[in-house]
PDB file of N, CA and C in Angstrom:
ATOM      1  N   MET A   1     208.802 219.121 344.778  1.00  0.00           N
ATOM      2  CA  MET A   1     207.937 218.064 345.274  1.00  0.00           C
ATOM      3  C   MET A   1     206.568 218.190 344.599  1.00  0.00           C
ATOM      4  N   SER A   2     205.930 217.072 344.312  1.00  0.00           N
ATOM      5  CA  SER A   2     204.657 217.123 343.597  1.00  0.00           C
ATOM      6  C   SER A   2     203.525 217.490 344.541  1.00  0.00           C
ATOM      7  N   ASP A   3     202.521 218.022 343.954  1.00  0.00           N
ATOM      8  CA  ASP A   3     201.351 218.450 344.712  1.00  0.00           C
ATOM      9  C   ASP A   3     200.535 217.215 345.121  1.00  0.00           C
ATOM     10  N   SER A   4     199.953 217.242 346.314  1.00  0.00           N
ATOM     11  CA  SER A   4     199.181 216.088 346.787  1.00  0.00           C
ATOM     12  C   SER A   4     197.907 215.899 345.975  1.00  0.00           C
ATOM     13  N   LYS A   5     197.422 216.953 345.316  1.00  0.00           N
ATOM     14  CA  LYS A   5     196.224 216.811 344.487  1.00  0.00           C
ATOM     15  C   LYS A   5     196.498 215.927 343.276  1.00  0.00           C
ATOM     16  N   ASP A   6     197.743 215.911 342.800  1.00  0.00           N
ATOM     17  CA  ASP A   6     198.095 215.053 341.678  1.00  0.00           C
ATOM     18  C   ASP A   6     198.086 213.582 342.092  1.00  0.00           C
ATOM     19  N   LEU A   7     198.480 213.311 343.314  1.00  0.00           N
ATOM     20  CA  LEU A   7     198.550 211.929 343.783  1.00  0.00           C
ATOM     21  C   LEU A   7     197.187 211.384 344.179  1.00  0.00           C
ATOM     22  N   PHE A   8     196.354 212.244 344.727  1.00  0.00           N
ATOM     23  CA  PHE A   8     195.046 211.819 345.219  1.00  0.00           C
ATOM     24  C   PHE A   8     193.963 212.662 344.553  1.00  0.00           C
ATOM     25  N   PRO A   9     193.351 212.152 343.490  1.00  0.00           N
ATOM     26  CA  PRO A   9     192.305 212.931 342.822  1.00  0.00           C
ATOM     27  C   PRO A   9     191.104 213.118 343.739  1.00  0.00           C
ATOM     28  N   ASP A  10     190.361 214.149 343.469  1.00  0.00           N
ATOM     29  CA  ASP A  10     189.194 214.491 344.275  1.00  0.00           C
ATOM     30  C   ASP A  10     188.124 213.408 344.119  1.00  0.00           C
ATOM     31  N   PRO A  11     187.775 212.703 345.192  1.00  0.00           N
ATOM     32  CA  PRO A  11     186.773 211.633 345.073  1.00  0.00           C
ATOM     33  C   PRO A  11     185.395 212.167 344.695  1.00  0.00           C
ATOM     34  N   GLU A  12     185.103 213.396 345.089  1.00  0.00           N
ATOM     35  CA  GLU A  12     183.799 213.976 344.766  1.00  0.00           C
ATOM     36  C   GLU A  12     183.678 214.216 343.258  1.00  0.00           C
ATOM     37  N   ALA A  13     184.756 214.659 342.630  1.00  0.00           N
ATOM     38  CA  ALA A  13     184.749 214.864 341.177  1.00  0.00           C
ATOM     39  C   ALA A  13     184.630 213.525 340.455  1.00  0.00           C
ATOM     40  N   ASP A  14     185.316 212.506 340.957  1.00  0.00           N
ATOM     41  CA  ASP A  14     185.208 211.177 340.353  1.00  0.00           C
ATOM     42  C   ASP A  14     183.786 210.644 340.460  1.00  0.00           C
ATOM     43  N   LYS A  15     183.153 210.871 341.601  1.00  0.00           N
ATOM     44  CA  LYS A  15     181.790 210.397 341.805  1.00  0.00           C
ATOM     45  C   LYS A  15     180.826 211.122 340.869  1.00  0.00           C
ATOM     46  N   LYS A  16     181.025 212.427 340.703  1.00  0.00           N
ATOM     47  CA  LYS A  16     180.157 213.190 339.803  1.00  0.00           C
ATOM     48  C   LYS A  16     180.307 212.706 338.368  1.00  0.00           C
ATOM     49  N   ALA A  17     181.538 212.447 337.952  1.00  0.00           N
ATOM     50  CA  ALA A  17     181.774 211.955 336.594  1.00  0.00           C
ATOM     51  C   ALA A  17     181.155 210.570 336.417  1.00  0.00           C
ATOM     52  N   TYR A  18     181.287 209.720 337.418  1.00  0.00           N
ATOM     53  CA  TYR A  18     180.709 208.375 337.365  1.00  0.00           C
ATOM     54  C   TYR A  18     179.189 208.452 337.263  1.00  0.00           C
ATOM     55  N   LEU A  19     178.574 209.304 338.080  1.00  0.00           N
ATOM     56  CA  LEU A  19     177.119 209.420 338.063  1.00  0.00           C
ATOM     57  C   LEU A  19     176.621 210.013 336.750  1.00  0.00           C
ATOM     58  N   ALA A  20     177.369 210.954 336.184  1.00  0.00           N
ATOM     59  CA  ALA A  20     176.982 211.535 334.898  1.00  0.00           C
ATOM     60  C   ALA A  20     177.044 210.481 333.794  1.00  0.00           C
ATOM     61  N   ALA A  21     178.095 209.673 333.794  1.00  0.00           N
ATOM     62  CA  ALA A  21     178.217 208.611 332.795  1.00  0.00           C
ATOM     63  C   ALA A  21     177.121 207.567 332.984  1.00  0.00           C
ATOM     64  N   GLN A  22     176.805 207.257 334.224  1.00  0.00           N
ATOM     65  CA  GLN A  22     175.754 206.280 334.515  1.00  0.00           C
ATOM     66  C   GLN A  22     174.400 206.801 334.028  1.00  0.00           C
ATOM     67  N   LYS A  23     174.156 208.089 334.228  1.00  0.00           N
ATOM     68  CA  LYS A  23     172.896 208.682 333.786  1.00  0.00           C
ATOM     69  C   LYS A  23     172.775 208.618 332.264  1.00  0.00           C
ATOM     70  N   ARG A  24     173.870 208.917 331.554  1.00  0.00           N
ATOM     71  CA  ARG A  24     173.852 208.837 330.091  1.00  0.00           C
ATOM     72  C   ARG A  24     173.594 207.406 329.628  1.00  0.00           C
ATOM     73  N   ARG A  25     174.223 206.438 330.290  1.00  0.00           N
ATOM     74  CA  ARG A  25     173.996 205.030 329.931  1.00  0.00           C
ATOM     75  C   ARG A  25     172.544 204.639 330.175  1.00  0.00           C
ATOM     76  N   ASN A  26     171.991 205.055 331.304  1.00  0.00           N
ATOM     77  CA  ASN A  26     170.609 204.709 331.628  1.00  0.00           C
ATOM     78  C   ASN A  26     169.640 205.302 330.613  1.00  0.00           C
ATOM     79  N   ILE A  27     169.889 206.531 330.190  1.00  0.00           N
ATOM     80  CA  ILE A  27     169.029 207.165 329.192  1.00  0.00           C
ATOM     81  C   ILE A  27     169.136 206.418 327.867  1.00  0.00           C
ATOM     82  N   ALA A  28     170.341 206.054 327.471  1.00  0.00           N
ATOM     83  CA  ALA A  28     170.536 205.322 326.214  1.00  0.00           C
ATOM     84  C   ALA A  28     169.843 203.963 326.262  1.00  0.00           C
ATOM     85  N   ILE A  29     169.956 203.265 327.374  1.00  0.00           N
ATOM     86  CA  ILE A  29     169.299 201.960 327.518  1.00  0.00           C
ATOM     87  C   ILE A  29     167.784 202.128 327.488  1.00  0.00           C
ATOM     88  N   GLY A  30     167.279 203.139 328.168  1.00  0.00           N
ATOM     89  CA  GLY A  30     165.839 203.395 328.178  1.00  0.00           C
ATOM     90  C   GLY A  30     165.299 203.709 326.796  1.00  0.00           C
ATOM     91  N   LEU A  31     166.005 204.562 326.056  1.00  0.00           N
ATOM     92  CA  LEU A  31     165.568 204.899 324.698  1.00  0.00           C
ATOM     93  C   LEU A  31     165.641 203.687 323.775  1.00  0.00           C
ATOM     94  N   SER A  32     166.671 202.876 323.937  1.00  0.00           N
ATOM     95  CA  SER A  32     166.796 201.661 323.124  1.00  0.00           C
ATOM     96  C   SER A  32     165.661 200.685 323.421  1.00  0.00           C
ATOM     97  N   LEU A  33     165.339 200.528 324.677  1.00  0.00           N
ATOM     98  CA  LEU A  33     164.245 199.635 325.061  1.00  0.00           C
ATOM     99  C   LEU A  33     162.914 200.144 324.515  1.00  0.00           C
ATOM    100  N   PHE A  34     162.688 201.442 324.611  1.00  0.00           N
ATOM    101  CA  PHE A  34     161.460 202.032 324.077  1.00  0.00           C
ATOM    102  C   PHE A  34     161.371 201.812 322.566  1.00  0.00           C
ATOM    103  N   ALA A  35     162.471 202.029 321.850  1.00  0.00           N
ATOM    104  CA  ALA A  35     162.488 201.831 320.399  1.00  0.00           C
ATOM    105  C   ALA A  35     162.210 200.370 320.055  1.00  0.00           C
ATOM    106  N   PHE A  36     162.750 199.447 320.828  1.00  0.00           N
ATOM    107  CA  PHE A  36     162.511 198.024 320.590  1.00  0.00           C
ATOM    108  C   PHE A  36     161.037 197.682 320.794  1.00  0.00           C
ATOM    109  N   VAL A  37     160.430 198.211 321.841  1.00  0.00           N
ATOM    110  CA  VAL A  37     159.014 197.944 322.111  1.00  0.00           C
ATOM    111  C   VAL A  37     158.151 198.493 320.977  1.00  0.00           C
ATOM    112  N   VAL A  38     158.455 199.698 320.511  1.00  0.00           N
ATOM    113  CA  VAL A  38     157.701 200.283 319.400  1.00  0.00           C
ATOM    114  C   VAL A  38     157.871 199.432 318.142  1.00  0.00           C
ATOM    115  N   LEU A  39     159.078 198.978 317.877  1.00  0.00           N
ATOM    116  CA  LEU A  39     159.333 198.140 316.701  1.00  0.00           C
ATOM    117  C   LEU A  39     158.543 196.835 316.776  1.00  0.00           C
ATOM    118  N   VAL A  40     158.556 196.178 317.916  1.00  0.00           N
ATOM    119  CA  VAL A  40     157.806 194.925 318.081  1.00  0.00           C
ATOM    120  C   VAL A  40     156.314 195.184 317.912  1.00  0.00           C
ATOM    121  N   PHE A  41     155.820 196.289 318.458  1.00  0.00           N
ATOM    122  CA  PHE A  41     154.403 196.630 318.319  1.00  0.00           C
ATOM    123  C   PHE A  41     154.037 196.838 316.852  1.00  0.00           C
ATOM    124  N   LEU A  42     154.857 197.598 316.130  1.00  0.00           N
ATOM    125  CA  LEU A  42     154.552 197.877 314.724  1.00  0.00           C
ATOM    126  C   LEU A  42     154.622 196.615 313.867  1.00  0.00           C
ATOM    127  N   VAL A  43     155.592 195.768 314.112  1.00  0.00           N
ATOM    128  CA  VAL A  43     155.689 194.509 313.362  1.00  0.00           C
ATOM    129  C   VAL A  43     154.485 193.628 313.669  1.00  0.00           C
ATOM    130  N   SER A  44     154.098 193.542 314.929  1.00  0.00           N
ATOM    131  CA  SER A  44     152.932 192.733 315.310  1.00  0.00           C
ATOM    132  C   SER A  44     151.662 193.283 314.676  1.00  0.00           C
ATOM    133  N   LEU A  45     151.500 194.583 314.711  1.00  0.00           N
ATOM    134  CA  LEU A  45     150.325 195.217 314.124  1.00  0.00           C
ATOM    135  C   LEU A  45     150.273 194.968 312.621  1.00  0.00           C
ATOM    136  N   THR A  46     151.394 195.084 311.953  1.00  0.00           N
ATOM    137  CA  THR A  46     151.460 194.846 310.511  1.00  0.00           C
ATOM    138  C   THR A  46     151.114 193.401 310.181  1.00  0.00           C
ATOM    139  N   ARG A  47     151.641 192.474 310.948  1.00  0.00           N
ATOM    140  CA  ARG A  47     151.357 191.051 310.684  1.00  0.00           C
ATOM    141  C   ARG A  47     149.893 190.725 310.946  1.00  0.00           C
ATOM    142  N   MET A  48     149.297 191.331 311.962  1.00  0.00           N
ATOM    143  CA  MET A  48     147.879 191.089 312.237  1.00  0.00           C
ATOM    144  C   MET A  48     147.002 191.681 311.140  1.00  0.00           C
ATOM    145  N   MET A  49     147.395 192.836 310.615  1.00  0.00           N
ATOM    146  CA  MET A  49     146.610 193.471 309.554  1.00  0.00           C
ATOM    147  C   MET A  49     146.680 192.662 308.256  1.00  0.00           C
ATOM    148  N   GLN A  50     147.768 191.959 308.020  1.00  0.00           N
ATOM    149  CA  GLN A  50     147.904 191.150 306.804  1.00  0.00           C
ATOM    150  C   GLN A  50     146.983 189.934 306.834  1.00  0.00           C
ATOM    151  N   ASN A  51     146.626 189.471 308.010  1.00  0.00           N
ATOM    152  CA  ASN A  51     145.797 188.272 308.130  1.00  0.00           C
ATOM    153  C   ASN A  51     144.307 188.570 308.128  1.00  0.00           C
ATOM    154  N   THR A  52     143.912 189.825 308.085  1.00  0.00           N
ATOM    155  CA  THR A  52     142.487 190.147 308.086  1.00  0.00           C
ATOM    156  C   THR A  52     141.977 190.176 306.646  1.00  0.00           C
ATOM    157  N   PRO A  53     140.764 189.634 306.415  1.00  0.00           N
ATOM    158  CA  PRO A  53     140.207 189.676 305.053  1.00  0.00           C
ATOM    159  C   PRO A  53     139.774 191.101 304.696  1.00  0.00           C
ATOM    160  N   HIS A  54     139.856 191.435 303.426  1.00  0.00           N
ATOM    161  CA  HIS A  54     139.500 192.788 302.977  1.00  0.00           C
ATOM    162  C   HIS A  54     138.057 192.870 302.658  1.00  0.00           C
TER     163      HIS A  54
END
């Protein structure tokens, strides 16, 4: 007969894995957003510097 642990996985382990994956996604999204903001800032700064007389 099969073990009951095979039929019913530990919900606490599933929750920990879900939260770990969610944390990794949140960090990746945060870093991507930060990189986008820096890129927009640098492009804006470069374009403003091109329009100033020397």
